[in-house]
Protein backbone atom coordinates (compact mmCIF):
# COMPACT_ATOMS: atom_id res chain seq x y z
CA MET A 1 124.36 105.06 102.24
CA SER A 2 120.81 105.54 101.16
CA LEU A 3 117.74 106.95 102.72
CA ASN A 4 114.41 105.97 102.28
CA LYS A 5 112.11 108.46 104.50
CA VAL A 6 109.61 111.04 104.03
CA ILE A 7 106.97 113.48 105.83
CA LEU A 8 103.38 113.78 105.07
CA ILE A 9 101.76 116.89 106.77
CA GLY A 10 97.89 116.64 105.21
CA TYR A 11 93.79 115.07 106.18
CA VAL A 12 92.92 111.86 105.86
CA GLY A 13 90.64 111.66 102.69
CA LYS A 14 87.98 108.84 103.91
CA ASP A 15 87.42 106.69 106.95
CA PRO A 16 90.53 104.24 107.40
CA ASP A 17 89.97 100.36 105.87
CA ILE A 18 90.70 98.46 108.92
CA ARG A 19 92.06 94.59 108.59
CA TYR A 20 93.18 91.81 111.28
CA PHE A 21 94.50 89.01 110.61
CA ASP A 22 93.95 85.62 112.57
CA ASN A 23 97.61 85.65 114.20
CA GLY A 24 95.61 88.97 115.24
CA HIS A 25 97.94 91.62 113.56
CA ALA A 26 95.90 94.39 112.46
CA ILE A 27 96.75 96.79 108.94
CA ALA A 28 95.12 99.98 107.77
CA ASN A 29 94.71 102.11 104.83
CA PHE A 30 93.61 105.01 104.24
CA PRO A 31 93.98 108.10 102.15
CA LEU A 32 96.33 110.87 102.51
CA ALA A 33 95.76 114.32 100.54
CA THR A 34 98.81 117.18 100.65
CA SER A 35 98.10 120.30 98.71
CA GLU A 36 100.30 123.44 97.43
CA ARG A 37 99.36 126.79 98.00
CA GLY A 38 98.74 128.27 94.90
CA TYR A 39 100.35 131.58 93.96
CA ARG A 40 100.93 134.57 90.89
CA LEU A 41 104.15 134.93 89.29
CA ALA A 42 105.58 138.06 88.20
CA ASN A 43 103.84 138.20 84.43
CA GLY A 44 100.07 137.50 86.85
CA THR A 45 100.14 134.15 85.61
CA GLU A 46 98.09 132.24 88.31
CA VAL A 47 99.88 128.89 89.27
CA PRO A 48 96.94 126.90 90.61
CA GLU A 49 96.90 124.69 94.64
CA ARG A 50 97.81 121.01 94.03
CA THR A 51 96.50 118.03 96.14
CA GLU A 52 98.32 115.15 95.93
CA TRP A 53 97.19 111.63 96.81
CA HIS A 54 99.40 109.20 99.12
CA ASN A 55 97.90 105.80 100.24
CA ILE A 56 98.67 105.13 103.68
CA VAL A 57 99.73 102.25 105.04
CA ALA A 58 100.47 101.37 108.96
CA THR A 59 101.03 98.00 111.31
CA ARG A 60 100.46 96.73 114.35
CA ASP A 61 99.97 99.69 117.41
CA ARG A 62 100.08 102.02 114.36
CA ALA A 63 97.03 100.38 113.27
CA GLN A 64 94.95 100.20 116.08
CA PHE A 65 95.87 103.91 116.81
CA ILE A 66 93.77 104.59 113.22
CA GLU A 67 90.78 102.29 114.56
CA LYS A 68 90.14 104.46 116.96
CA TYR A 69 90.92 107.54 116.82
CA VAL A 70 91.49 108.59 112.71
CA LYS A 71 88.24 109.36 110.74
CA LYS A 72 87.62 110.96 106.62
CA GLY A 73 89.03 114.86 107.56
CA SER A 74 91.66 114.48 110.34
CA LEU A 75 94.57 116.75 110.11
CA MET A 76 97.67 113.90 110.19
CA TYR A 77 101.50 114.11 110.80
CA VAL A 78 102.41 110.53 108.35
CA GLU A 79 106.71 110.12 109.28
CA GLY A 80 107.43 106.25 106.59
CA LYS A 81 109.10 104.91 103.39
CA ILE A 82 107.58 104.52 100.25
CA ARG A 83 107.04 101.23 98.94
CA THR A 84 106.32 100.30 95.71
CA ARG A 85 104.79 97.16 94.30
CA ASN A 86 103.27 96.03 91.47
CA TYR A 87 100.32 93.38 90.34
CA ASP A 88 98.69 92.01 87.15
CA ASP A 89 94.42 93.19 86.80
CA LYS A 90 92.27 90.92 86.32
CA ASP A 91 92.70 91.95 81.91
CA GLY A 92 96.99 91.07 82.81
CA ASN A 93 97.63 94.04 82.48
CA LYS A 94 100.30 94.83 85.36
CA ARG A 95 99.31 97.54 87.65
CA TYR A 96 101.87 99.29 90.09
CA VAL A 97 101.14 101.02 93.39
CA THR A 98 102.83 103.71 95.41
CA GLU A 99 102.24 103.60 99.63
CA ILE A 100 103.43 104.91 102.14
CA TYR A 101 104.85 102.75 104.99
CA ALA A 102 103.94 104.56 107.69
CA ASP A 103 105.95 104.28 111.38
CA ARG A 104 105.25 106.82 113.00
CA VAL A 105 101.34 108.66 112.98
CA GLU A 106 100.36 111.72 114.84
CA PHE A 107 97.26 114.02 115.45
CA TYR A 108 98.82 117.15 113.71
CA SER A 109 97.73 120.96 115.02
CA THR A 110 98.76 124.27 113.88
CA GLY A 111 98.00 125.67 116.48
CA SER A 112 95.74 128.78 114.84
CA GLY A 113 92.06 128.35 116.48
CA THR A 114 91.23 128.30 112.88
CA ARG A 115 89.93 124.40 112.77
CA ARG A 116 88.09 124.42 116.49
CA ASP A 117 86.18 120.62 116.37
CA GLU A 118 89.27 119.34 114.76
CA GLN A 119 91.08 120.92 118.16
CA GLN A 120 89.14 119.50 120.69
CA GLU A 121 88.85 116.18 118.65
CA SER A 122 93.10 116.42 119.33
CA SER A 123 92.68 116.66 122.02
CA ASN A 124 91.13 114.08 123.31
CA ALA A 125 92.26 111.58 121.68
CA SER A 126 95.32 112.55 121.97
CA ALA A 127 94.93 112.24 126.08
CA THR A 128 92.63 109.56 126.07
CA ALA A 129 95.26 107.46 124.13
CA ALA A 130 98.67 109.30 126.51
CA ASN A 131 99.62 105.67 127.10
CA ASN A 132 100.16 105.36 122.72
CA THR A 133 103.34 106.55 122.17
CA ASN A 134 102.13 106.84 119.01
CA ALA A 135 99.39 109.24 119.94
CA ALA A 136 101.04 113.04 120.59
CA THR A 137 100.14 115.92 119.18
CA VAL A 138 102.27 118.53 117.83
CA GLU A 139 102.02 122.16 118.63
CA ILE A 140 103.05 124.01 115.59
CA PRO A 141 103.24 127.80 115.59
CA PRO A 142 100.95 129.00 112.71
CA VAL A 143 102.06 130.42 109.22
CA SER A 144 101.76 133.69 108.21
CA ASP A 145 98.56 133.75 105.61
CA GLN A 146 100.59 136.37 103.48
CA THR A 147 100.23 136.28 100.23
CA ASP A 148 103.16 137.19 97.50
CA ASP A 149 104.75 136.33 94.06
CA LEU A 150 106.67 134.40 95.08
CA PRO A 151 106.32 130.78 94.36
CA PHE A 152 108.18 129.18 97.68
């Protein structure tokens, strides 16, 4: 038995690119940034914040939702699977691309009130898209801002 599942919570890096095909199906692509908080080790060594960029691919109704409501800076919850593809570039070199194929895309809200504009945008889009099952807002209690020497 095997499982290919990814859950990401992060910020959209640029406005999504939406393409439509002759059959009416849509595909959306956008970068999503996730970050791990920096910390200090017991010996005083500073470990900086680390940001990873993920290429998100969404199709069908998820792509239409993204086209209508998602923009650069949106805080998103993405659930899907990792896929890697390869191609030959113009110089004949083999290139590899790792993408997250989204099965679920939702606005994410921390409930902390620190990003008022984003939360308002999320609430408005969720209310407008109430008929779309992929447009729900997830409410999670705020995480403590206490810092310590532990890396986790």
